[in-house]
Amino acid sequence: MAADDPYAEQTAQNTNAPWLAGGPSVDVDLDGLREYAASLTNQQMDIASRAAYLRPLGDIPGQAFTGEVLGEADAVRARLVANAGELTVYLQKLAESVGNIGSAARTVADSYGSGDAISAASLNDVLFAYGDKSVPRPEGLPPGVGATFWEQQSAFSTAVPAAGSSAWRVTSNTPISAYQTLETAAGPNGERREVMTFTPPGGATTVTTTVFGGNGETVSSVTTRTSTRFTGGAEVTVQEVYGADGKQTGTTETRTEFDGDRVTGRSTEVRDAAGETVQRTVESTDPATREQVQVVSERNEKGDLVEKNRIVTGEATGGRTPRVNG
């Protein structure tokens, strides 16, 4: 015998959801979906770029508690580093999720092309956009669209590693002359990387990194030329980057200011092939309080440098010798 429900009427009203029983099809605003997808892609890129600014959260605890420390200090250090690592992973997954949602929105929009802006999207189309293989492929979706994020990642894993990837395994480091060395590394799928370094006495250091595919063909070739000079009590380091065609693709200039042997400030400018500054990092140290400030500015769509990140670090505290009573 079923128990009496004194609130049957209220329960029915509170759990009534007629919109779940069907209703009209969903109208697809193609332009709105594309704008939404583009916005999410921009957010994904912004999250990914800002994640690098959190690196001090993992570095500073190790710098603050070095050498032999109390167990409590070691526990604090471990917890802070672990928390920083978890936050970094969270931001990585957040960026992936935002990108996936944007890709799904773009896939739904692509399913209807640009001809019928008032077409109705079925639930199957949305499920397909989110990677459900059990539903049919939308008829209007272009043939080149439809790979899931996992499929793209799997395809990327078989691609030739980037020159700076940790997938390379150094196999040899051979002196060519008194000022020139050749480092060779092997990739996971038969690729080869060669790094030729030329360091003449008193001149600029030139490093050419060439990546070859498994078939022996050149995949990429980048040359960096780094020079250092001293002027007005400052050390200026300039790194010029050239592509395989010999054309300059960018420049990074770092200027370090000294007061005796103490660094009082550092500025770094990254310029594009046209010589325009795309990023500027300025680090300064207050001579009285020793407080350090780092400001990162980047060029926006209007071509203006705007502040993107600011880090303020207080004066490092000195250690104390424990007092022993006896």
Protein backbone atom coordinates (compact mmCIF):
# COMPACT_ATOMS: atom_id res chain seq x y z
CA MET A 1 0.00 0.00 0.00
CA ALA A 2 1.45 3.31 -1.08
CA ALA A 3 2.02 5.93 1.57
CA ASP A 4 -0.26 8.96 1.47
CA ASP A 5 1.37 12.13 0.13
CA PRO A 6 -0.14 15.17 1.84
CA TYR A 7 1.66 17.44 -0.62
CA ALA A 8 0.82 15.65 -3.87
CA GLU A 9 -0.44 18.83 -5.54
CA GLN A 10 2.65 20.84 -4.58
CA THR A 11 4.97 18.00 -5.60
CA ALA A 12 3.33 17.79 -9.01
CA GLN A 13 3.74 21.51 -9.55
CA ASN A 14 7.36 21.56 -8.41
CA THR A 15 8.40 18.60 -10.56
CA ASN A 16 6.36 19.54 -13.62
CA ALA A 17 8.71 20.25 -16.56
CA PRO A 18 6.70 20.21 -19.78
CA TRP A 19 9.68 21.56 -21.73
CA LEU A 20 11.35 18.15 -21.33
CA ALA A 21 8.51 16.45 -23.24
CA GLY A 22 9.43 17.87 -26.63
CA GLY A 23 8.25 21.19 -27.94
CA PRO A 24 9.47 23.23 -30.90
CA SER A 25 12.86 22.64 -32.51
CA VAL A 26 15.76 24.87 -31.59
CA ASP A 27 16.42 27.66 -34.09
CA VAL A 28 20.11 28.04 -34.94
CA ASP A 29 21.47 31.57 -35.19
CA LEU A 30 24.51 30.76 -37.31
CA ASP A 31 26.19 34.15 -36.98
CA GLY A 32 25.62 34.11 -33.22
CA LEU A 33 27.08 30.61 -32.90
CA ARG A 34 30.16 31.55 -34.88
CA GLU A 35 30.71 34.67 -32.80
CA TYR A 36 30.23 32.60 -29.65
CA ALA A 37 32.75 30.02 -30.89
CA ALA A 38 35.27 32.74 -31.77
CA SER A 39 34.83 34.32 -28.34
CA LEU A 40 35.48 30.99 -26.60
CA THR A 41 38.57 30.41 -28.75
CA ASN A 42 39.91 33.80 -27.65
CA GLN A 43 39.16 32.91 -24.02
CA GLN A 44 41.01 29.61 -24.43
CA MET A 45 44.08 31.40 -25.77
CA ASP A 46 43.89 34.00 -22.98
CA ILE A 47 43.71 31.33 -20.26
CA ALA A 48 46.62 29.43 -21.79
CA SER A 49 48.79 32.56 -22.03
CA ARG A 50 48.02 33.71 -18.47
CA ALA A 51 48.86 30.29 -17.01
CA ALA A 52 52.56 31.08 -17.49
CA TYR A 53 52.22 34.03 -15.11
CA LEU A 54 51.47 31.59 -12.27
CA ARG A 55 54.90 29.99 -12.46
CA PRO A 56 56.22 32.02 -9.49
CA LEU A 57 53.61 30.29 -7.27
CA GLY A 58 55.56 27.07 -7.70
CA ASP A 59 59.05 28.61 -7.78
CA ILE A 60 58.94 31.01 -4.82
CA PRO A 61 58.25 28.38 -2.09
CA GLY A 62 61.35 26.49 -3.14
CA GLN A 63 63.40 29.68 -3.06
CA ALA A 64 61.99 30.71 0.31
CA PHE A 65 62.75 27.40 2.06
CA THR A 66 66.15 26.22 0.83
CA GLY A 67 68.73 24.03 2.48
CA GLU A 68 68.09 22.45 5.86
CA VAL A 69 64.77 23.69 7.22
CA LEU A 70 62.37 22.68 9.94
CA GLY A 71 59.91 19.92 9.13
CA GLU A 72 57.04 22.37 9.39
CA ALA A 73 58.67 24.63 6.79
CA ASP A 74 59.25 21.68 4.49
CA ALA A 75 55.58 20.70 4.85
CA VAL A 76 54.48 24.24 3.98
CA ARG A 77 56.76 24.27 0.96
CA ALA A 78 55.41 20.94 -0.28
CA ARG A 79 51.80 22.02 0.19
CA LEU A 80 52.31 25.36 -1.61
CA VAL A 81 54.07 23.69 -4.55
CA ALA A 82 51.33 21.03 -4.74
CA ASN A 83 48.59 23.67 -4.67
CA ALA A 84 50.33 25.62 -7.44
CA GLY A 85 50.56 22.44 -9.51
CA GLU A 86 46.86 21.67 -9.03
CA LEU A 87 45.90 25.21 -10.03
CA THR A 88 48.04 24.93 -13.17
CA VAL A 89 46.40 21.64 -14.15
CA TYR A 90 42.96 23.13 -13.46
CA LEU A 91 43.66 26.04 -15.81
CA GLN A 92 44.92 23.65 -18.50
CA LYS A 93 41.72 21.59 -18.28
CA LEU A 94 39.62 24.76 -18.19
CA ALA A 95 41.27 26.00 -21.39
CA GLU A 96 40.64 22.62 -23.04
CA SER A 97 37.00 22.61 -21.96
CA VAL A 98 36.37 26.15 -23.19
CA GLY A 99 37.99 25.26 -26.50
CA ASN A 100 35.89 22.10 -26.83
CA ILE A 101 32.64 24.01 -26.23
CA GLY A 102 33.66 26.56 -28.84
CA SER A 103 34.47 23.77 -31.31
CA ALA A 104 31.08 22.18 -30.69
CA ALA A 105 29.29 25.47 -31.34
CA ARG A 106 31.25 25.97 -34.55
CA THR A 107 30.44 22.40 -35.65
CA VAL A 108 26.70 22.99 -35.19
CA ALA A 109 26.96 26.21 -37.20
CA ASP A 110 28.95 24.45 -39.94
CA SER A 111 26.29 21.74 -40.11
CA TYR A 112 23.85 24.27 -41.55
CA GLY A 113 26.24 26.23 -43.71
CA SER A 114 25.24 29.81 -44.52
CA GLY A 115 22.18 29.17 -46.64
CA ASP A 116 19.39 28.66 -44.12
CA ALA A 117 19.86 30.72 -40.97
CA ILE A 118 16.54 29.62 -39.49
CA SER A 119 17.08 25.86 -39.81
CA ALA A 120 16.29 23.80 -36.74
CA ALA A 121 19.05 21.85 -35.01
CA SER A 122 18.16 18.40 -33.77
CA LEU A 123 19.50 16.96 -30.54
CA ASN A 124 21.53 14.46 -32.59
CA ASP A 125 23.39 17.31 -34.26
CA VAL A 126 24.37 18.71 -30.88
CA LEU A 127 25.35 15.25 -29.62
CA PHE A 128 27.53 14.75 -32.72
CA ALA A 129 29.18 18.11 -32.09
CA TYR A 130 30.17 16.85 -28.63
CA GLY A 131 31.72 13.67 -30.03
CA ASP A 132 28.89 11.12 -29.73
CA LYS A 133 29.69 8.47 -32.37
CA SER A 134 26.33 6.71 -31.96
CA VAL A 135 24.39 9.46 -33.75
CA PRO A 136 24.45 10.11 -37.52
CA ARG A 137 26.67 12.75 -39.02
CA PRO A 138 24.76 15.95 -39.93
CA GLU A 139 24.05 16.03 -43.65
CA GLY A 140 25.21 19.61 -44.12
CA LEU A 141 28.51 19.27 -42.27
CA PRO A 142 31.52 19.75 -44.59
CA PRO A 143 33.62 16.57 -45.09
CA GLY A 144 36.72 18.10 -43.50
CA VAL A 145 34.98 18.86 -40.20
CA GLY A 146 34.17 16.42 -37.43
CA ALA A 147 37.33 15.15 -35.72
CA THR A 148 37.00 15.05 -31.93
CA PHE A 149 39.51 16.65 -29.58
CA TRP A 150 40.81 13.17 -28.66
CA GLU A 151 41.26 12.26 -32.32
CA GLN A 152 43.14 15.49 -32.95
CA GLN A 153 45.36 14.85 -29.95
CA SER A 154 46.06 11.30 -31.15
CA ALA A 155 46.99 12.58 -34.61
CA PHE A 156 49.20 15.27 -33.07
CA SER A 157 51.04 12.67 -30.97
CA THR A 158 52.37 11.06 -34.17
CA ALA A 159 53.57 14.38 -35.59
CA VAL A 160 57.22 15.45 -35.57
CA PRO A 161 58.09 16.87 -32.11
CA ALA A 162 58.75 20.59 -31.86
CA ALA A 163 62.40 21.60 -31.68
CA GLY A 164 62.16 22.35 -27.96
CA SER A 165 60.11 19.27 -27.05
CA SER A 166 61.24 16.98 -24.25
CA ALA A 167 60.57 14.00 -26.57
CA TRP A 168 64.04 14.35 -28.10
CA ARG A 169 66.82 12.08 -26.80
CA VAL A 170 70.35 13.42 -27.21
CA THR A 171 72.53 10.80 -28.89
CA SER A 172 75.80 12.67 -29.48
CA ASN A 173 77.61 15.95 -28.89
CA THR A 174 80.55 16.28 -31.26
CA PRO A 175 83.17 19.11 -31.38
CA ILE A 176 83.56 20.29 -34.98
CA SER A 177 86.25 22.85 -34.20
CA ALA A 178 87.53 24.88 -31.28
CA TYR A 179 84.45 27.11 -31.52
CA GLN A 180 81.83 24.85 -33.05
CA THR A 181 79.87 21.82 -31.78
CA LEU A 182 77.14 19.61 -33.22
CA GLU A 183 74.50 18.01 -31.01
CA THR A 184 72.34 15.25 -32.47
CA ALA A 185 69.09 13.98 -30.97
CA ALA A 186 66.63 11.25 -31.94
CA GLY A 187 62.84 11.56 -31.99
CA PRO A 188 60.27 8.93 -30.99
CA ASN A 189 59.43 7.96 -34.58
CA GLY A 190 62.79 8.06 -36.34
CA GLU A 191 63.05 11.87 -36.53
CA ARG A 192 66.39 13.64 -36.08
CA ARG A 193 67.32 17.01 -34.60
CA GLU A 194 70.66 18.73 -35.16
CA VAL A 195 71.83 21.72 -33.13
CA MET A 196 74.92 23.48 -34.49
CA THR A 197 76.48 25.98 -32.06
CA PHE A 198 79.18 28.43 -33.12
CA THR A 199 80.80 30.56 -30.39
CA PRO A 200 83.67 32.68 -31.74
CA PRO A 201 85.87 34.50 -29.23
CA GLY A 202 84.47 37.96 -28.54
CA GLY A 203 81.65 37.55 -31.07
CA ALA A 204 77.99 36.61 -31.21
CA THR A 205 76.89 33.04 -30.51
CA THR A 206 74.98 31.46 -33.38
CA VAL A 207 72.78 28.39 -32.87
CA THR A 208 71.07 26.66 -35.80
CA THR A 209 68.44 24.05 -34.92
CA THR A 210 67.26 21.81 -37.75
CA VAL A 211 64.57 19.14 -37.44
CA PHE A 212 64.33 16.27 -39.93
CA GLY A 213 61.33 13.98 -40.35
CA GLY A 214 61.47 10.20 -40.36
CA ASN A 215 61.91 10.32 -44.16
CA GLY A 216 64.98 12.56 -43.85
CA GLU A 217 63.28 15.69 -45.19
CA THR A 218 63.82 19.02 -43.41
CA VAL A 219 60.79 19.94 -41.30
CA SER A 220 62.06 23.18 -39.77
CA SER A 221 65.23 25.20 -39.41
CA VAL A 222 65.71 28.14 -37.05
CA THR A 223 68.85 30.16 -36.38
CA THR A 224 69.37 32.39 -33.34
CA ARG A 225 72.17 34.91 -33.06
CA THR A 226 72.89 36.13 -29.52
CA SER A 227 75.22 39.01 -28.71
CA THR A 228 76.02 40.86 -25.48
CA ARG A 229 77.43 44.31 -24.91
CA PHE A 230 77.98 46.59 -21.92
CA THR A 231 76.92 50.21 -22.07
CA GLY A 232 76.30 52.84 -19.40
CA GLY A 233 76.57 50.37 -16.50
CA ALA A 234 74.08 47.99 -18.11
CA GLU A 235 74.36 44.62 -19.83
CA VAL A 236 72.40 44.41 -23.09
CA THR A 237 71.70 41.00 -24.65
CA VAL A 238 70.13 40.81 -28.10
CA GLN A 239 68.79 37.58 -29.57
CA GLU A 240 67.85 37.66 -33.27
CA VAL A 241 65.83 34.81 -34.78
CA TYR A 242 65.98 33.83 -38.46
CA GLY A 243 63.90 31.34 -40.42
CA ALA A 244 65.04 28.74 -42.94
CA ASP A 245 64.94 31.38 -45.70
CA GLY A 246 67.40 33.58 -43.82
CA LYS A 247 64.84 36.28 -43.09
CA GLN A 248 64.63 37.70 -39.58
CA THR A 249 61.42 36.67 -37.79
CA GLY A 250 61.88 38.36 -34.42
CA THR A 251 64.18 39.92 -31.85
CA THR A 252 64.40 39.75 -28.08
CA GLU A 253 66.44 42.43 -26.29
CA THR A 254 67.16 42.25 -22.55
CA ARG A 255 68.73 45.13 -20.65
CA THR A 256 70.01 44.47 -17.12
CA GLU A 257 70.89 47.42 -14.87
CA PHE A 258 73.52 47.07 -12.11
CA ASP A 259 74.49 48.96 -8.98
CA GLY A 260 77.92 47.49 -8.36
CA ASP A 261 77.35 43.74 -8.45
CA ARG A 262 73.67 44.05 -7.51
CA VAL A 263 70.92 43.89 -10.15
CA THR A 264 68.58 46.88 -9.79
CA GLY A 265 66.37 46.38 -12.83
CA ARG A 266 65.78 44.36 -15.96
CA SER A 267 63.67 45.00 -19.06
CA THR A 268 62.94 42.64 -21.94
CA GLU A 269 61.36 43.58 -25.26
CA VAL A 270 60.12 41.07 -27.82
CA ARG A 271 59.80 42.49 -31.35
CA ASP A 272 58.29 40.99 -34.49
CA ALA A 273 59.81 40.83 -37.96
CA ALA A 274 58.85 44.47 -38.59
CA GLY A 275 60.62 45.63 -35.45
CA GLU A 276 57.39 46.41 -33.58
CA THR A 277 57.30 45.55 -29.85
CA VAL A 278 54.76 42.80 -29.13
CA GLN A 279 55.67 42.18 -25.49
CA ARG A 280 57.58 44.08 -22.81
CA THR A 281 58.59 42.85 -19.36
CA VAL A 282 59.98 45.34 -16.83
CA GLU A 283 61.47 44.22 -13.51
CA SER A 284 62.51 46.77 -10.90
CA THR A 285 63.88 46.62 -7.35
CA ASP A 286 63.31 49.34 -4.77
CA PRO A 287 66.80 50.29 -3.44
CA ALA A 288 65.46 50.96 0.06
CA THR A 289 62.91 48.19 0.70
CA ARG A 290 64.30 45.70 -1.86
CA GLU A 291 60.73 45.12 -3.01
CA GLN A 292 60.63 43.68 -6.53
CA VAL A 293 57.97 44.48 -9.13
CA GLN A 294 57.52 42.70 -12.47
CA VAL A 295 55.13 44.16 -15.07
CA VAL A 296 54.28 42.34 -18.32
CA SER A 297 52.68 44.29 -21.17
CA GLU A 298 51.47 42.94 -24.50
CA ARG A 299 50.30 44.53 -27.72
CA ASN A 300 46.52 44.46 -28.21
CA GLU A 301 44.47 44.44 -31.41
CA LYS A 302 44.77 48.23 -31.65
CA GLY A 303 48.56 48.04 -31.57
CA ASP A 304 48.89 49.51 -28.07
CA LEU A 305 50.98 47.95 -25.29
CA VAL A 306 48.71 47.25 -22.33
CA GLU A 307 49.55 45.81 -18.93
CA LYS A 308 48.65 42.12 -18.70
CA ASN A 309 50.23 41.03 -15.46
CA ARG A 310 51.93 42.50 -12.37
CA ILE A 311 53.86 40.57 -9.71
CA VAL A 312 55.09 42.22 -6.50
CA THR A 313 57.59 40.36 -4.32
CA GLY A 314 58.60 41.62 -0.89
CA GLU A 315 62.11 41.70 0.51
CA ALA A 316 63.65 38.31 1.18
CA THR A 317 63.89 37.63 4.91
CA GLY A 318 67.20 36.57 6.39
CA GLY A 319 67.63 33.38 8.39
CA ARG A 320 68.24 33.29 12.13
CA THR A 321 70.59 31.21 14.19
CA PRO A 322 68.56 29.16 16.70
CA ARG A 323 69.05 30.17 20.33
CA VAL A 324 69.91 27.36 22.70
CA ASN A 325 69.17 27.82 26.38
CA GLY A 326 71.29 25.94 28.82
